[in-house]
């Protein structure tokens, strides 16, 4: 059985985003795998990987121009927008 991840498809300032929720920090190879899985699932937009640290703070990997959004968005706010899943592998 392939692992699945929750996804929120968002439109941030007229930019389509695919926000993928992780249990732990994204690695460069892991981020690339997320991009492939999102495309395979037919999802369009910039990929952002998001997880909560041990203190519940939002951590992320995203393009620099999206950092302001993710620095202010609460993890629970983002999770409330989940509307899809992607399958890894």
C-alpha atoms as a PDB file:
ATOM      1  CA  UNK A   1       0.000   0.000   0.000  1.00  0.00           C
ATOM      2  CA  UNK A   2       1.429   3.365  -1.029  1.00  0.00           C
ATOM      3  CA  UNK A   3       1.496   6.138   1.568  1.00  0.00           C
ATOM      4  CA  UNK A   4      -0.902   9.026   1.052  1.00  0.00           C
ATOM      5  CA  UNK A   5      -0.583  12.636   2.156  1.00  0.00           C
ATOM      6  CA  UNK A   6      -3.196  15.295   2.780  1.00  0.00           C
ATOM      7  CA  UNK A   7      -3.199  18.261   0.417  1.00  0.00           C
ATOM      8  CA  UNK A   8      -4.802  21.703   0.382  1.00  0.00           C
ATOM      9  CA  UNK A   9      -5.204  23.328  -3.016  1.00  0.00           C
ATOM     10  CA  UNK A  10      -5.121  27.083  -2.452  1.00  0.00           C
ATOM     11  CA  UNK A  11      -5.112  30.258  -4.479  1.00  0.00           C
ATOM     12  CA  UNK A  12      -2.771  32.776  -2.846  1.00  0.00           C
ATOM     13  CA  UNK A  13      -2.679  36.184  -4.535  1.00  0.00           C
ATOM     14  CA  UNK A  14      -3.818  34.592  -7.824  1.00  0.00           C
ATOM     15  CA  UNK A  15      -1.136  31.880  -7.594  1.00  0.00           C
ATOM     16  CA  UNK A  16      -2.252  28.250  -7.436  1.00  0.00           C
ATOM     17  CA  UNK A  17      -0.630  26.390  -4.552  1.00  0.00           C
ATOM     18  CA  UNK A  18      -0.528  22.710  -3.665  1.00  0.00           C
ATOM     19  CA  UNK A  19       0.179  22.546   0.061  1.00  0.00           C
ATOM     20  CA  UNK A  20       1.287  19.068   1.129  1.00  0.00           C
ATOM     21  CA  UNK A  21       1.178  18.146   4.822  1.00  0.00           C
ATOM     22  CA  UNK A  22       4.060  16.140   6.265  1.00  0.00           C
ATOM     23  CA  UNK A  23       4.804  14.539   9.629  1.00  0.00           C
ATOM     24  CA  UNK A  24       8.433  15.685   9.562  1.00  0.00           C
ATOM     25  CA  UNK A  25      10.697  18.134   7.706  1.00  0.00           C
ATOM     26  CA  UNK A  26      10.992  17.807   3.949  1.00  0.00           C
ATOM     27  CA  UNK A  27      14.296  16.782   2.427  1.00  0.00           C
ATOM     28  CA  UNK A  28      15.309  17.921  -1.069  1.00  0.00           C
ATOM     29  CA  UNK A  29      14.654  14.410  -2.430  1.00  0.00           C
ATOM     30  CA  UNK A  30      11.358  14.259  -0.565  1.00  0.00           C
ATOM     31  CA  UNK A  31      10.286  17.620  -1.983  1.00  0.00           C
ATOM     32  CA  UNK A  32      11.015  16.379  -5.508  1.00  0.00           C
ATOM     33  CA  UNK A  33       8.925  13.275  -4.817  1.00  0.00           C
ATOM     34  CA  UNK A  34       6.055  15.509  -3.669  1.00  0.00           C
ATOM     35  CA  UNK A  35       6.237  17.470  -6.923  1.00  0.00           C
ATOM     36  CA  UNK A  36       6.074  14.245  -8.956  1.00  0.00           C
ATOM     37  CA  UNK A  37       3.183  12.855  -6.905  1.00  0.00           C
ATOM     38  CA  UNK A  38       1.172  16.081  -7.213  1.00  0.00           C
ATOM     39  CA  UNK A  39       1.646  16.186 -10.990  1.00  0.00           C
ATOM     40  CA  UNK A  40       0.723  12.507 -11.272  1.00  0.00           C
ATOM     41  CA  UNK A  41      -2.488  13.265  -9.333  1.00  0.00           C
ATOM     42  CA  UNK A  42      -3.267  16.059 -11.809  1.00  0.00           C
ATOM     43  CA  UNK A  43      -2.772  18.884  -9.300  1.00  0.00           C
ATOM     44  CA  UNK A  44      -1.535  22.185 -10.669  1.00  0.00           C
ATOM     45  CA  UNK A  45       0.414  24.910  -8.932  1.00  0.00           C
ATOM     46  CA  UNK A  46       3.459  25.600  -6.844  1.00  0.00           C
ATOM     47  CA  UNK A  47       4.287  22.918  -4.306  1.00  0.00           C
ATOM     48  CA  UNK A  48       4.740  23.811  -0.654  1.00  0.00           C
ATOM     49  CA  UNK A  49       5.582  21.246   2.021  1.00  0.00           C
ATOM     50  CA  UNK A  50       4.232  22.059   5.490  1.00  0.00           C
ATOM     51  CA  UNK A  51       4.603  20.421   8.909  1.00  0.00           C
ATOM     52  CA  UNK A  52       4.283  21.398  12.557  1.00  0.00           C
ATOM     53  CA  UNK A  53       7.407  21.425  14.729  1.00  0.00           C
ATOM     54  CA  UNK A  54       7.506  20.020  18.276  1.00  0.00           C
ATOM     55  CA  UNK A  55       6.017  23.301  19.558  1.00  0.00           C
ATOM     56  CA  UNK A  56       3.149  23.322  17.053  1.00  0.00           C
ATOM     57  CA  UNK A  57       4.655  26.091  14.923  1.00  0.00           C
ATOM     58  CA  UNK A  58       4.214  25.994  11.164  1.00  0.00           C
ATOM     59  CA  UNK A  59       7.346  24.983   9.273  1.00  0.00           C
ATOM     60  CA  UNK A  60       7.520  24.846   5.509  1.00  0.00           C
ATOM     61  CA  UNK A  61       9.473  24.578   2.295  1.00  0.00           C
ATOM     62  CA  UNK A  62       8.150  26.949  -0.371  1.00  0.00           C
ATOM     63  CA  UNK A  63       9.364  29.466  -2.900  1.00  0.00           C
ATOM     64  CA  UNK A  64      10.798  32.594  -1.240  1.00  0.00           C
ATOM     65  CA  UNK A  65       7.971  34.797  -2.511  1.00  0.00           C
ATOM     66  CA  UNK A  66       5.476  32.635  -0.531  1.00  0.00           C
ATOM     67  CA  UNK A  67       7.368  32.806   2.798  1.00  0.00           C
ATOM     68  CA  UNK A  68       5.367  35.769   4.150  1.00  0.00           C
ATOM     69  CA  UNK A  69       2.133  33.822   3.714  1.00  0.00           C
ATOM     70  CA  UNK A  70       3.402  30.667   5.417  1.00  0.00           C
ATOM     71  CA  UNK A  71       5.052  32.638   8.224  1.00  0.00           C
ATOM     72  CA  UNK A  72       1.674  34.098   9.186  1.00  0.00           C
ATOM     73  CA  UNK A  73      -0.634  31.165   8.401  1.00  0.00           C
ATOM     74  CA  UNK A  74      -1.399  28.921  11.348  1.00  0.00           C
ATOM     75  CA  UNK A  75      -0.883  25.208  10.917  1.00  0.00           C
ATOM     76  CA  UNK A  76      -4.472  24.477  11.954  1.00  0.00           C
ATOM     77  CA  UNK A  77      -5.749  27.150   9.538  1.00  0.00           C
ATOM     78  CA  UNK A  78      -3.904  25.434   6.707  1.00  0.00           C
ATOM     79  CA  UNK A  79      -5.080  21.950   7.713  1.00  0.00           C
ATOM     80  CA  UNK A  80      -8.674  23.188   7.703  1.00  0.00           C
ATOM     81  CA  UNK A  81      -8.274  23.721   3.934  1.00  0.00           C
ATOM     82  CA  UNK A  82      -7.422  20.089   3.113  1.00  0.00           C
ATOM     83  CA  UNK A  83      -9.381  19.052   0.047  1.00  0.00           C
ATOM     84  CA  UNK A  84      -7.338  16.294  -1.614  1.00  0.00           C
ATOM     85  CA  UNK A  85      -4.778  13.549  -1.123  1.00  0.00           C
ATOM     86  CA  UNK A  86      -1.746  12.452  -3.106  1.00  0.00           C
ATOM     87  CA  UNK A  87      -0.165   9.033  -3.244  1.00  0.00           C
ATOM     88  CA  UNK A  88       3.599   8.656  -2.995  1.00  0.00           C
ATOM     89  CA  UNK A  89       5.568   6.112  -4.924  1.00  0.00           C
END
